[in-house]
């Protein structure tokens, strides 16, 4: 029998090979990595696993190939405590993989990505529908778009909040219906700027994160909006409220920004489900994403008292 999970995510999971380097190579040059690791990535998967690591029950919905990368992804999701009953395996197909080079001095990344042939082949079924119906929040970013549209409609019919992750430079017309159907919208600053330009046909370069959050709240008529700005922190606003600013934490110790936005999302969902309060949830999200940046990998943070217990975090 299917056990309900509080956070249910739909997205594409990637098997990452990460290399920590002192500098990017010139064309034709070979450089030596000082550190290497393999782990799963993908925005929704990392967010779901973050929530699970912090103590929230969580499930992932995806389609993977029957290759070694798919085996690795599924195995690590299991080890993180993520329910994978609704991860579909596509016979003979390949899973998504990526090679990531992270520069030690800046934490900036260079990524080579191969989508594989299993991505975006998720088929909607009764099991997924029931999983969504019994969730406390549905988390999406627009991958597996037809299934996401159905899931969002199911969630709305059952009063399950829909959480949307808008990654940097990922704004595109086909996801706008999903964005409009979402209740909790946390996006990268670049995504918010793109949406402002799309709606207003004006430049958003001079707008603050708080301005962009207020614009999105009014434009989308949703419950919560957050705009993340990396080392500059994040601005969040709830319907009927005023923007709050959450400073980034631990930026000066960052070595790899892989997964920072994704762990922010997962920690925010964990914190907000626990407290229903924007400020401590945002503080927890900043703590976890900041801790994640201090190590190599998309899911590198270790549990700390405040991260596990958002109600003990001070407001930001």
Protein backbone atom coordinates (compact mmCIF):
# COMPACT_ATOMS: atom_id res chain seq x y z
CA UNK A 1 0.00 0.00 0.00
CA UNK A 2 1.23 3.50 -0.89
CA UNK A 3 2.39 5.53 2.12
CA UNK A 4 1.61 9.28 1.88
CA UNK A 5 4.60 11.64 1.69
CA UNK A 6 4.52 15.31 2.66
CA UNK A 7 6.70 16.59 -0.21
CA UNK A 8 6.14 15.10 -3.67
CA UNK A 9 8.39 16.19 -6.52
CA UNK A 10 8.18 15.71 -10.28
CA UNK A 11 11.34 16.36 -12.28
CA UNK A 12 14.34 14.95 -14.13
CA UNK A 13 17.19 13.49 -12.08
CA UNK A 14 20.76 13.59 -13.39
CA UNK A 15 23.85 11.55 -12.49
CA UNK A 16 26.63 14.11 -11.94
CA UNK A 17 30.39 13.67 -12.09
CA UNK A 18 31.90 16.66 -10.27
CA UNK A 19 35.47 17.91 -10.42
CA UNK A 20 36.98 20.62 -8.21
CA UNK A 21 39.60 22.53 -10.22
CA UNK A 22 41.85 25.52 -9.60
CA UNK A 23 41.02 27.04 -12.98
CA UNK A 24 39.21 26.18 -16.18
CA UNK A 25 41.48 24.73 -18.88
CA UNK A 26 42.34 26.60 -22.04
CA UNK A 27 41.29 24.99 -25.33
CA UNK A 28 43.23 21.75 -25.77
CA UNK A 29 44.73 21.92 -22.27
CA UNK A 30 44.54 19.26 -19.54
CA UNK A 31 44.12 20.32 -15.90
CA UNK A 32 44.18 18.16 -12.80
CA UNK A 33 41.22 18.03 -10.42
CA UNK A 34 41.99 18.32 -6.72
CA UNK A 35 38.77 16.53 -5.78
CA UNK A 36 36.20 14.38 -7.57
CA UNK A 37 32.86 12.88 -6.63
CA UNK A 38 29.72 11.39 -8.17
CA UNK A 39 26.19 12.09 -7.00
CA UNK A 40 22.72 12.68 -8.35
CA UNK A 41 21.59 16.15 -9.32
CA UNK A 42 18.56 17.81 -10.85
CA UNK A 43 16.62 20.64 -9.25
CA UNK A 44 13.56 18.79 -8.00
CA UNK A 45 15.43 15.63 -6.97
CA UNK A 46 17.93 17.57 -4.85
CA UNK A 47 15.13 19.62 -3.25
CA UNK A 48 13.15 16.48 -2.41
CA UNK A 49 16.24 14.73 -1.00
CA UNK A 50 17.08 17.82 1.05
CA UNK A 51 13.63 17.78 2.64
CA UNK A 52 14.01 14.06 3.34
CA UNK A 53 17.45 14.51 4.92
CA UNK A 54 15.99 17.19 7.19
CA UNK A 55 13.22 14.86 8.35
CA UNK A 56 10.26 15.47 6.04
CA UNK A 57 8.73 12.49 4.25
CA UNK A 58 9.35 12.91 0.53
CA UNK A 59 8.75 11.13 -2.78
CA UNK A 60 10.28 11.57 -6.24
CA UNK A 61 8.44 11.02 -9.53
CA UNK A 62 10.61 10.66 -12.64
CA UNK A 63 11.50 8.42 -15.58
CA UNK A 64 14.97 6.83 -15.72
CA UNK A 65 16.76 4.52 -18.10
CA UNK A 66 17.71 0.95 -17.27
CA UNK A 67 21.40 1.90 -17.39
CA UNK A 68 24.08 2.16 -14.71
CA UNK A 69 23.41 5.88 -14.19
CA UNK A 70 19.75 5.11 -13.50
CA UNK A 71 20.76 2.42 -11.01
CA UNK A 72 23.07 4.87 -9.23
CA UNK A 73 20.39 7.56 -9.07
CA UNK A 74 17.76 5.20 -7.68
CA UNK A 75 20.17 3.74 -5.13
CA UNK A 76 21.20 7.13 -3.77
CA UNK A 77 17.61 8.37 -3.60
CA UNK A 78 16.81 5.30 -1.50
CA UNK A 79 19.76 5.99 0.79
CA UNK A 80 18.51 9.54 1.32
CA UNK A 81 15.14 8.19 2.44
CA UNK A 82 13.24 9.33 -0.66
CA UNK A 83 10.26 7.20 -1.72
CA UNK A 84 10.78 6.08 -5.35
CA UNK A 85 7.77 3.86 -6.00
CA UNK A 86 6.68 6.21 -8.81
CA UNK A 87 10.05 6.47 -10.55
CA UNK A 88 9.48 4.72 -13.88
CA UNK A 89 12.29 2.75 -15.60
CA UNK A 90 12.25 2.88 -19.41
CA UNK A 91 13.68 -0.36 -20.89
CA UNK A 92 16.71 0.23 -23.10
CA UNK A 93 16.71 3.99 -22.48
CA UNK A 94 19.56 6.07 -21.04
CA UNK A 95 19.40 8.38 -18.01
CA UNK A 96 20.57 12.00 -17.87
CA UNK A 97 24.24 12.55 -16.96
CA UNK A 98 26.44 15.63 -16.53
CA UNK A 99 30.08 16.55 -16.03
CA UNK A 100 30.56 19.56 -13.75
CA UNK A 101 33.78 21.53 -13.26
CA UNK A 102 33.74 23.78 -10.20
CA UNK A 103 36.45 26.42 -9.75
CA UNK A 104 37.78 26.48 -6.21
CA UNK A 105 38.40 30.23 -6.00
CA UNK A 106 34.97 31.35 -7.19
CA UNK A 107 32.65 28.35 -6.79
CA UNK A 108 31.49 28.97 -10.36
CA UNK A 109 30.67 25.98 -12.54
CA UNK A 110 31.09 24.77 -16.11
CA UNK A 111 28.65 22.01 -17.08
CA UNK A 112 28.46 19.53 -19.96
CA UNK A 113 25.07 17.81 -20.00
CA UNK A 114 23.70 14.76 -21.84
CA UNK A 115 19.91 14.46 -21.43
CA UNK A 116 19.68 10.77 -22.27
CA UNK A 117 16.63 9.15 -23.84
CA UNK A 118 14.51 8.45 -20.74
CA UNK A 119 14.02 12.10 -19.76
CA UNK A 120 10.53 13.55 -20.29
CA UNK A 121 8.99 10.11 -20.93
CA UNK A 122 7.06 9.99 -17.68
CA UNK A 123 3.55 8.57 -18.08
CA UNK A 124 0.76 9.81 -15.83
CA UNK A 125 -1.06 7.04 -13.97
CA UNK A 126 -3.36 6.38 -11.02
CA UNK A 127 -0.46 5.78 -8.63
CA UNK A 128 1.01 9.23 -9.35
CA UNK A 129 -2.42 10.81 -9.00
CA UNK A 130 -2.90 9.27 -5.56
CA UNK A 131 0.61 10.30 -4.55
CA UNK A 132 -0.20 13.92 -5.40
CA UNK A 133 -3.64 13.85 -3.78
CA UNK A 134 -2.17 12.87 -0.40
CA UNK A 135 0.82 15.23 -0.42
CA UNK A 136 1.18 18.36 1.69
CA UNK A 137 2.98 20.13 -1.16
CA UNK A 138 3.73 19.32 -4.81
CA UNK A 139 7.12 20.59 -6.04
CA UNK A 140 7.77 21.14 -9.77
CA UNK A 141 10.06 22.93 -12.21
CA UNK A 142 8.39 22.17 -15.54
CA UNK A 143 10.27 19.03 -16.60
CA UNK A 144 7.86 16.22 -17.55
CA UNK A 145 5.56 19.13 -18.42
CA UNK A 146 2.40 17.18 -19.42
CA UNK A 147 2.55 15.21 -16.15
CA UNK A 148 3.24 18.42 -14.23
CA UNK A 149 0.14 20.09 -15.70
CA UNK A 150 -2.01 17.11 -14.68
CA UNK A 151 -0.38 16.96 -11.26
CA UNK A 152 -0.95 20.67 -10.63
CA UNK A 153 -4.63 20.33 -11.57
CA UNK A 154 -4.97 17.33 -9.25
CA UNK A 155 -3.23 19.20 -6.44
CA UNK A 156 -5.40 22.28 -6.82
CA UNK A 157 -8.57 20.14 -6.76
CA UNK A 158 -7.42 18.69 -3.40
CA UNK A 159 -6.14 21.98 -1.90
CA UNK A 160 -2.53 20.74 -2.06
CA UNK A 161 -0.18 23.72 -2.55
CA UNK A 162 1.89 23.69 -5.75
CA UNK A 163 5.51 24.82 -5.34
CA UNK A 164 7.37 26.04 -8.45
CA UNK A 165 11.15 26.29 -8.90
CA UNK A 166 12.16 28.77 -11.60
CA UNK A 167 15.86 28.31 -12.31
CA UNK A 168 18.18 30.96 -13.72
CA UNK A 169 17.47 31.64 -17.41
CA UNK A 170 14.84 28.86 -17.50
CA UNK A 171 11.85 31.11 -18.28
CA UNK A 172 10.01 29.92 -21.41
CA UNK A 173 6.45 30.39 -22.69
CA UNK A 174 5.41 26.74 -22.39
CA UNK A 175 5.77 26.70 -18.60
CA UNK A 176 3.64 29.80 -18.01
CA UNK A 177 0.41 27.83 -17.39
CA UNK A 178 2.24 25.83 -14.73
CA UNK A 179 3.65 29.01 -13.20
CA UNK A 180 0.16 30.52 -13.09
CA UNK A 181 -1.18 27.37 -11.37
CA UNK A 182 1.43 27.52 -8.58
CA UNK A 183 0.90 28.70 -5.01
CA UNK A 184 4.49 28.97 -3.76
CA UNK A 185 6.85 30.41 -6.37
CA UNK A 186 10.57 30.68 -5.61
CA UNK A 187 12.70 31.65 -8.59
CA UNK A 188 16.19 32.83 -9.39
CA UNK A 189 16.59 36.57 -9.92
CA UNK A 190 17.30 36.02 -13.63
CA UNK A 191 14.03 34.08 -14.01
CA UNK A 192 12.11 36.89 -12.30
CA UNK A 193 13.74 39.48 -14.57
CA UNK A 194 12.84 37.45 -17.65
CA UNK A 195 9.21 37.19 -16.52
CA UNK A 196 9.05 40.95 -15.87
CA UNK A 197 10.38 41.67 -19.37
CA UNK A 198 7.95 39.15 -20.86
CA UNK A 199 4.93 40.70 -19.11
CA UNK A 200 5.86 44.39 -19.20
CA UNK A 201 8.21 44.61 -22.20
CA UNK A 202 10.52 46.67 -19.98
CA UNK A 203 14.00 46.14 -18.58
CA UNK A 204 14.16 44.71 -15.05
CA UNK A 205 17.87 45.37 -14.50
CA UNK A 206 17.28 48.16 -11.97
CA UNK A 207 14.63 46.34 -9.95
CA UNK A 208 15.62 44.90 -6.58
CA UNK A 209 14.84 41.32 -5.59
CA UNK A 210 12.10 42.69 -3.31
CA UNK A 211 10.61 44.67 -6.22
CA UNK A 212 10.63 41.56 -8.38
CA UNK A 213 9.05 39.45 -5.63
CA UNK A 214 6.25 42.00 -5.17
CA UNK A 215 5.68 42.13 -8.93
CA UNK A 216 5.45 38.33 -9.20
CA UNK A 217 3.06 38.12 -6.24
CA UNK A 218 0.68 40.56 -7.92
CA UNK A 219 1.12 39.15 -11.42
CA UNK A 220 0.61 35.51 -10.44
CA UNK A 221 -1.83 36.08 -7.57
CA UNK A 222 -0.12 33.31 -5.60
CA UNK A 223 0.42 32.80 -1.86
CA UNK A 224 4.21 33.05 -1.54
CA UNK A 225 6.97 34.39 -3.78
CA UNK A 226 10.71 34.24 -3.27
CA UNK A 227 13.49 35.64 -5.45
CA UNK A 228 16.97 34.26 -4.82
CA UNK A 229 20.10 36.25 -5.68
CA UNK A 230 22.98 33.96 -4.74
CA UNK A 231 25.46 35.71 -2.44
CA UNK A 232 23.08 38.68 -2.11
CA UNK A 233 20.52 36.52 -0.33
CA UNK A 234 16.81 36.23 -1.07
CA UNK A 235 13.66 38.32 -0.88
CA UNK A 236 10.37 36.67 0.08
CA UNK A 237 6.83 37.92 0.40
CA UNK A 238 3.51 36.38 1.38
CA UNK A 239 0.10 37.56 0.16
CA UNK A 240 -1.01 40.48 2.30
CA UNK A 241 2.49 40.99 3.72
CA UNK A 242 5.66 42.95 3.07
CA UNK A 243 8.91 41.67 1.55
CA UNK A 244 11.55 40.27 3.90
CA UNK A 245 15.23 39.99 3.10
CA UNK A 246 17.11 36.83 4.07
CA UNK A 247 20.90 37.33 3.84
CA UNK A 248 22.97 34.53 2.37
CA UNK A 249 24.93 32.58 5.00
CA UNK A 250 28.49 31.31 4.72
CA UNK A 251 29.13 32.83 1.28
CA UNK A 252 32.77 33.56 2.08
CA UNK A 253 33.43 29.83 2.54
CA UNK A 254 31.82 28.68 -0.74
CA UNK A 255 33.79 26.26 -2.92
CA UNK A 256 31.00 24.84 -5.16
CA UNK A 257 27.60 26.36 -5.91
CA UNK A 258 26.18 23.12 -7.36
CA UNK A 259 22.78 22.47 -5.81
CA UNK A 260 22.63 25.65 -3.73
CA UNK A 261 19.32 26.82 -5.17
CA UNK A 262 17.91 23.31 -5.02
CA UNK A 263 18.84 22.73 -1.37
CA UNK A 264 17.37 26.19 -0.64
CA UNK A 265 14.04 25.01 -2.09
CA UNK A 266 14.04 21.71 -0.20
CA UNK A 267 14.98 23.32 3.11
CA UNK A 268 12.36 26.03 2.63
CA UNK A 269 9.64 23.44 1.99
CA UNK A 270 10.74 21.50 5.08
CA UNK A 271 10.79 24.63 7.21
CA UNK A 272 7.54 26.10 5.98
CA UNK A 273 5.64 22.83 6.40
CA UNK A 274 6.96 22.65 9.98
CA UNK A 275 6.24 26.24 11.02
CA UNK A 276 3.96 27.97 8.51
CA UNK A 277 6.18 31.00 9.07
CA UNK A 278 8.13 32.67 6.26
CA UNK A 279 11.08 34.06 8.23
CA UNK A 280 12.32 30.89 9.99
CA UNK A 281 11.76 28.85 6.82
CA UNK A 282 13.86 31.33 4.83
CA UNK A 283 16.55 31.28 7.52
CA UNK A 284 16.70 27.48 7.40
CA UNK A 285 16.89 27.58 3.60
CA UNK A 286 19.81 30.03 3.73
CA UNK A 287 21.65 27.96 6.35
CA UNK A 288 21.33 24.75 4.38
CA UNK A 289 22.23 26.23 0.99
CA UNK A 290 25.18 28.06 2.54
CA UNK A 291 26.43 24.87 4.18
CA UNK A 292 25.99 23.02 0.89
CA UNK A 293 28.24 25.49 -0.94
CA UNK A 294 31.14 24.75 1.42
CA UNK A 295 31.62 21.25 -0.05
CA UNK A 296 31.67 19.61 -3.46
CA UNK A 297 28.36 18.27 -4.73
CA UNK A 298 24.66 19.01 -5.15
CA UNK A 299 23.71 17.45 -1.81
CA UNK A 300 26.80 18.06 0.33
CA UNK A 301 25.43 19.72 3.49
CA UNK A 302 25.47 17.97 6.86
CA UNK A 303 22.68 18.22 9.39
CA UNK A 304 22.89 20.94 12.00
CA UNK A 305 20.55 21.85 14.83
CA UNK A 306 18.99 24.88 13.18
CA UNK A 307 18.69 23.18 9.79
CA UNK A 308 16.83 20.24 11.30
CA UNK A 309 14.67 22.45 13.52
CA UNK A 310 13.55 25.59 11.66
CA UNK A 311 11.40 26.70 14.57
CA UNK A 312 14.66 27.32 16.47
CA UNK A 313 16.03 29.63 13.74
CA UNK A 314 15.80 33.35 14.18
CA UNK A 315 13.96 35.40 11.59
CA UNK A 316 15.86 37.15 8.81
